Amino acid sequence: MAPFVALSSLTGTPFGEMSGLERWVGLALSILTGAALGAGLQYICRRGLWTR
């Protein structure tokens, strides 16, 4: 949800009035953000970095 809020803030378009392109860009950013967070969490869990 955060990428949609950031995109709405950057473009000045209210969330409910986004165009189709803005919604697709928001979806792509959301997917990329989720993948990056998942990869980072997986890296931390596999390396055991929380115990150092």
PDB file of N, CA and C in Angstrom:
ATOM      1  N   MET A   1       0.820  -1.191   0.000  1.00  0.00           N
ATOM      2  CA  MET A   1       0.000   0.000   0.000  1.00  0.00           C
ATOM      3  C   MET A   1       0.862   1.253   0.000  1.00  0.00           C
ATOM      4  N   ALA A   2       2.025   1.183   0.620  1.00  0.00           N
ATOM      5  CA  ALA A   2       2.892   2.359   0.701  1.00  0.00           C
ATOM      6  C   ALA A   2       3.296   2.898  -0.672  1.00  0.00           C
ATOM      7  N   PRO A   3       3.618   2.052  -1.662  1.00  0.00           N
ATOM      8  CA  PRO A   3       3.950   2.615  -2.977  1.00  0.00           C
ATOM      9  C   PRO A   3       2.792   3.393  -3.599  1.00  0.00           C
ATOM     10  N   PHE A   4       1.569   2.951  -3.384  1.00  0.00           N
ATOM     11  CA  PHE A   4       0.411   3.676  -3.909  1.00  0.00           C
ATOM     12  C   PHE A   4       0.268   5.036  -3.225  1.00  0.00           C
ATOM     13  N   VAL A   5       0.472   5.083  -1.934  1.00  0.00           N
ATOM     14  CA  VAL A   5       0.365   6.339  -1.196  1.00  0.00           C
ATOM     15  C   VAL A   5       1.475   7.297  -1.630  1.00  0.00           C
ATOM     16  N   ALA A   6       2.690   6.770  -1.794  1.00  0.00           N
ATOM     17  CA  ALA A   6       3.802   7.609  -2.242  1.00  0.00           C
ATOM     18  C   ALA A   6       3.559   8.135  -3.650  1.00  0.00           C
ATOM     19  N   LEU A   7       3.075   7.286  -4.540  1.00  0.00           N
ATOM     20  CA  LEU A   7       2.783   7.701  -5.905  1.00  0.00           C
ATOM     21  C   LEU A   7       1.679   8.760  -5.929  1.00  0.00           C
ATOM     22  N   SER A   8       0.680   8.566  -5.121  1.00  0.00           N
ATOM     23  CA  SER A   8      -0.408   9.543  -5.028  1.00  0.00           C
ATOM     24  C   SER A   8       0.111  10.880  -4.523  1.00  0.00           C
ATOM     25  N   SER A   9       1.001  10.840  -3.560  1.00  0.00           N
ATOM     26  CA  SER A   9       1.575  12.060  -3.012  1.00  0.00           C
ATOM     27  C   SER A   9       2.472  12.761  -4.029  1.00  0.00           C
ATOM     28  N   LEU A  10       3.271  11.989  -4.755  1.00  0.00           N
ATOM     29  CA  LEU A  10       4.191  12.575  -5.741  1.00  0.00           C
ATOM     30  C   LEU A  10       3.455  13.203  -6.920  1.00  0.00           C
ATOM     31  N   THR A  11       2.394  12.567  -7.372  1.00  0.00           N
ATOM     32  CA  THR A  11       1.676  13.076  -8.533  1.00  0.00           C
ATOM     33  C   THR A  11       0.607  14.095  -8.160  1.00  0.00           C
ATOM     34  N   GLY A  12       0.235  14.152  -6.892  1.00  0.00           N
ATOM     35  CA  GLY A  12      -0.803  15.078  -6.461  1.00  0.00           C
ATOM     36  C   GLY A  12      -2.202  14.617  -6.825  1.00  0.00           C
ATOM     37  N   THR A  13      -2.328  13.360  -7.199  1.00  0.00           N
ATOM     38  CA  THR A  13      -3.619  12.796  -7.575  1.00  0.00           C
ATOM     39  C   THR A  13      -4.210  12.060  -6.376  1.00  0.00           C
ATOM     40  N   PRO A  14      -5.450  12.332  -6.025  1.00  0.00           N
ATOM     41  CA  PRO A  14      -6.070  11.567  -4.944  1.00  0.00           C
ATOM     42  C   PRO A  14      -6.077  10.067  -5.283  1.00  0.00           C
ATOM     43  N   PHE A  15      -5.983   9.274  -4.262  1.00  0.00           N
ATOM     44  CA  PHE A  15      -5.852   7.822  -4.449  1.00  0.00           C
ATOM     45  C   PHE A  15      -6.981   7.233  -5.286  1.00  0.00           C
ATOM     46  N   GLY A  16      -8.187   7.678  -5.076  1.00  0.00           N
ATOM     47  CA  GLY A  16      -9.328   7.134  -5.797  1.00  0.00           C
ATOM     48  C   GLY A  16      -9.466   7.626  -7.225  1.00  0.00           C
ATOM     49  N   GLU A  17      -8.711   8.647  -7.594  1.00  0.00           N
ATOM     50  CA  GLU A  17      -8.822   9.224  -8.929  1.00  0.00           C
ATOM     51  C   GLU A  17      -7.606   8.940  -9.806  1.00  0.00           C
ATOM     52  N   MET A  18      -6.804   7.958  -9.437  1.00  0.00           N
ATOM     53  CA  MET A  18      -5.628   7.618 -10.240  1.00  0.00           C
ATOM     54  C   MET A  18      -6.046   7.046 -11.592  1.00  0.00           C
ATOM     55  N   SER A  19      -5.247   7.350 -12.599  1.00  0.00           N
ATOM     56  CA  SER A  19      -5.512   6.799 -13.927  1.00  0.00           C
ATOM     57  C   SER A  19      -5.079   5.331 -13.955  1.00  0.00           C
ATOM     58  N   GLY A  20      -5.429   4.666 -15.025  1.00  0.00           N
ATOM     59  CA  GLY A  20      -5.051   3.263 -15.167  1.00  0.00           C
ATOM     60  C   GLY A  20      -3.544   3.067 -15.152  1.00  0.00           C
ATOM     61  N   LEU A  21      -2.820   3.968 -15.824  1.00  0.00           N
ATOM     62  CA  LEU A  21      -1.358   3.868 -15.862  1.00  0.00           C
ATOM     63  C   LEU A  21      -0.765   4.032 -14.468  1.00  0.00           C
ATOM     64  N   GLU A  22      -1.279   4.996 -13.716  1.00  0.00           N
ATOM     65  CA  GLU A  22      -0.771   5.200 -12.354  1.00  0.00           C
ATOM     66  C   GLU A  22      -1.041   3.984 -11.473  1.00  0.00           C
ATOM     67  N   ARG A  23      -2.169   3.353 -11.680  1.00  0.00           N
ATOM     68  CA  ARG A  23      -2.478   2.138 -10.899  1.00  0.00           C
ATOM     69  C   ARG A  23      -1.542   0.999 -11.258  1.00  0.00           C
ATOM     70  N   TRP A  24      -1.224   0.864 -12.547  1.00  0.00           N
ATOM     71  CA  TRP A  24      -0.286  -0.184 -12.964  1.00  0.00           C
ATOM     72  C   TRP A  24       1.116   0.084 -12.428  1.00  0.00           C
ATOM     73  N   VAL A  25       1.531   1.343 -12.457  1.00  0.00           N
ATOM     74  CA  VAL A  25       2.839   1.706 -11.902  1.00  0.00           C
ATOM     75  C   VAL A  25       2.863   1.429 -10.402  1.00  0.00           C
ATOM     76  N   GLY A  26       1.794   1.764  -9.714  1.00  0.00           N
ATOM     77  CA  GLY A  26       1.701   1.484  -8.283  1.00  0.00           C
ATOM     78  C   GLY A  26       1.763  -0.004  -7.996  1.00  0.00           C
ATOM     79  N   LEU A  27       1.097  -0.797  -8.824  1.00  0.00           N
ATOM     80  CA  LEU A  27       1.140  -2.246  -8.653  1.00  0.00           C
ATOM     81  C   LEU A  27       2.550  -2.775  -8.856  1.00  0.00           C
ATOM     82  N   ALA A  28       3.230  -2.296  -9.894  1.00  0.00           N
ATOM     83  CA  ALA A  28       4.604  -2.732 -10.156  1.00  0.00           C
ATOM     84  C   ALA A  28       5.528  -2.336  -9.008  1.00  0.00           C
ATOM     85  N   LEU A  29       5.379  -1.116  -8.505  1.00  0.00           N
ATOM     86  CA  LEU A  29       6.199  -0.681  -7.369  1.00  0.00           C
ATOM     87  C   LEU A  29       5.908  -1.504  -6.122  1.00  0.00           C
ATOM     88  N   SER A  30       4.658  -1.858  -5.938  1.00  0.00           N
ATOM     89  CA  SER A  30       4.275  -2.669  -4.792  1.00  0.00           C
ATOM     90  C   SER A  30       4.895  -4.065  -4.874  1.00  0.00           C
ATOM     91  N   ILE A  31       4.874  -4.645  -6.067  1.00  0.00           N
ATOM     92  CA  ILE A  31       5.473  -5.968  -6.266  1.00  0.00           C
ATOM     93  C   ILE A  31       6.968  -5.915  -6.030  1.00  0.00           C
ATOM     94  N   LEU A  32       7.630  -4.895  -6.581  1.00  0.00           N
ATOM     95  CA  LEU A  32       9.081  -4.759  -6.395  1.00  0.00           C
ATOM     96  C   LEU A  32       9.451  -4.535  -4.934  1.00  0.00           C
ATOM     97  N   THR A  33       8.658  -3.723  -4.243  1.00  0.00           N
ATOM     98  CA  THR A  33       8.906  -3.472  -2.820  1.00  0.00           C
ATOM     99  C   THR A  33       8.751  -4.752  -2.005  1.00  0.00           C
ATOM    100  N   GLY A  34       7.693  -5.502  -2.281  1.00  0.00           N
ATOM    101  CA  GLY A  34       7.482  -6.765  -1.574  1.00  0.00           C
ATOM    102  C   GLY A  34       8.590  -7.767  -1.840  1.00  0.00           C
ATOM    103  N   ALA A  35       9.046  -7.845  -3.084  1.00  0.00           N
ATOM    104  CA  ALA A  35      10.135  -8.765  -3.428  1.00  0.00           C
ATOM    105  C   ALA A  35      11.435  -8.362  -2.737  1.00  0.00           C
ATOM    106  N   ALA A  36      11.713  -7.069  -2.704  1.00  0.00           N
ATOM    107  CA  ALA A  36      12.934  -6.599  -2.046  1.00  0.00           C
ATOM    108  C   ALA A  36      12.895  -6.867  -0.545  1.00  0.00           C
ATOM    109  N   LEU A  37      11.753  -6.621   0.081  1.00  0.00           N
ATOM    110  CA  LEU A  37      11.631  -6.895   1.515  1.00  0.00           C
ATOM    111  C   LEU A  37      11.742  -8.383   1.803  1.00  0.00           C
ATOM    112  N   GLY A  38      11.122  -9.200   0.961  1.00  0.00           N
ATOM    113  CA  GLY A  38      11.213 -10.647   1.133  1.00  0.00           C
ATOM    114  C   GLY A  38      12.629 -11.156   0.963  1.00  0.00           C
ATOM    115  N   ALA A  39      13.336 -10.642  -0.038  1.00  0.00           N
ATOM    116  CA  ALA A  39      14.724 -11.061  -0.263  1.00  0.00           C
ATOM    117  C   ALA A  39      15.620 -10.631   0.888  1.00  0.00           C
ATOM    118  N   GLY A  40      15.387  -9.421   1.394  1.00  0.00           N
ATOM    119  CA  GLY A  40      16.181  -8.952   2.526  1.00  0.00           C
ATOM    120  C   GLY A  40      15.927  -9.765   3.781  1.00  0.00           C
ATOM    121  N   LEU A  41      14.683 -10.095   4.037  1.00  0.00           N
ATOM    122  CA  LEU A  41      14.345 -10.911   5.200  1.00  0.00           C
ATOM    123  C   LEU A  41      14.920 -12.315   5.064  1.00  0.00           C
ATOM    124  N   GLN A  42      14.847 -12.864   3.871  1.00  0.00           N
ATOM    125  CA  GLN A  42      15.412 -14.189   3.640  1.00  0.00           C
ATOM    126  C   GLN A  42      16.925 -14.174   3.857  1.00  0.00           C
ATOM    127  N   TYR A  43      17.600 -13.139   3.393  1.00  0.00           N
ATOM    128  CA  TYR A  43      19.043 -13.016   3.581  1.00  0.00           C
ATOM    129  C   TYR A  43      19.391 -12.952   5.069  1.00  0.00           C
ATOM    130  N   ILE A  44      18.635 -12.139   5.811  1.00  0.00           N
ATOM    131  CA  ILE A  44      18.896 -11.996   7.245  1.00  0.00           C
ATOM    132  C   ILE A  44      18.665 -13.322   7.968  1.00  0.00           C
ATOM    133  N   CYS A  45      17.590 -14.021   7.610  1.00  0.00           N
ATOM    134  CA  CYS A  45      17.275 -15.285   8.284  1.00  0.00           C
ATOM    135  C   CYS A  45      18.295 -16.372   7.953  1.00  0.00           C
ATOM    136  N   ARG A  46      18.734 -16.437   6.716  1.00  0.00           N
ATOM    137  CA  ARG A  46      19.697 -17.479   6.329  1.00  0.00           C
ATOM    138  C   ARG A  46      21.076 -17.224   6.904  1.00  0.00           C
ATOM    139  N   ARG A  47      21.458 -15.968   7.040  1.00  0.00           N
ATOM    140  CA  ARG A  47      22.790 -15.641   7.566  1.00  0.00           C
ATOM    141  C   ARG A  47      22.811 -15.603   9.080  1.00  0.00           C
ATOM    142  N   GLY A  48      21.673 -15.540   9.701  1.00  0.00           N
ATOM    143  CA  GLY A  48      21.623 -15.474  11.152  1.00  0.00           C
ATOM    144  C   GLY A  48      22.135 -14.148  11.686  1.00  0.00           C
ATOM    145  N   LEU A  49      21.887 -13.076  10.958  1.00  0.00           N
ATOM    146  CA  LEU A  49      22.428 -11.774  11.332  1.00  0.00           C
ATOM    147  C   LEU A  49      21.767 -11.190  12.569  1.00  0.00           C
ATOM    148  N   TRP A  50      20.618 -11.705  12.961  1.00  0.00           N
ATOM    149  CA  TRP A  50      19.940 -11.148  14.138  1.00  0.00           C
ATOM    150  C   TRP A  50      20.596 -11.582  15.437  1.00  0.00           C
ATOM    151  N   THR A  51      21.508 -12.578  15.377  1.00  0.00           N
ATOM    152  CA  THR A  51      22.145 -13.073  16.601  1.00  0.00           C
ATOM    153  C   THR A  51      23.487 -12.410  16.857  1.00  0.00           C
ATOM    154  N   ARG A  52      23.956 -11.567  15.963  1.00  0.00           N
ATOM    155  CA  ARG A  52      25.281 -10.954  16.140  1.00  0.00           C
ATOM    156  C   ARG A  52      25.215  -9.715  16.967  1.00  0.00           C
TER     157      ARG A  52
END
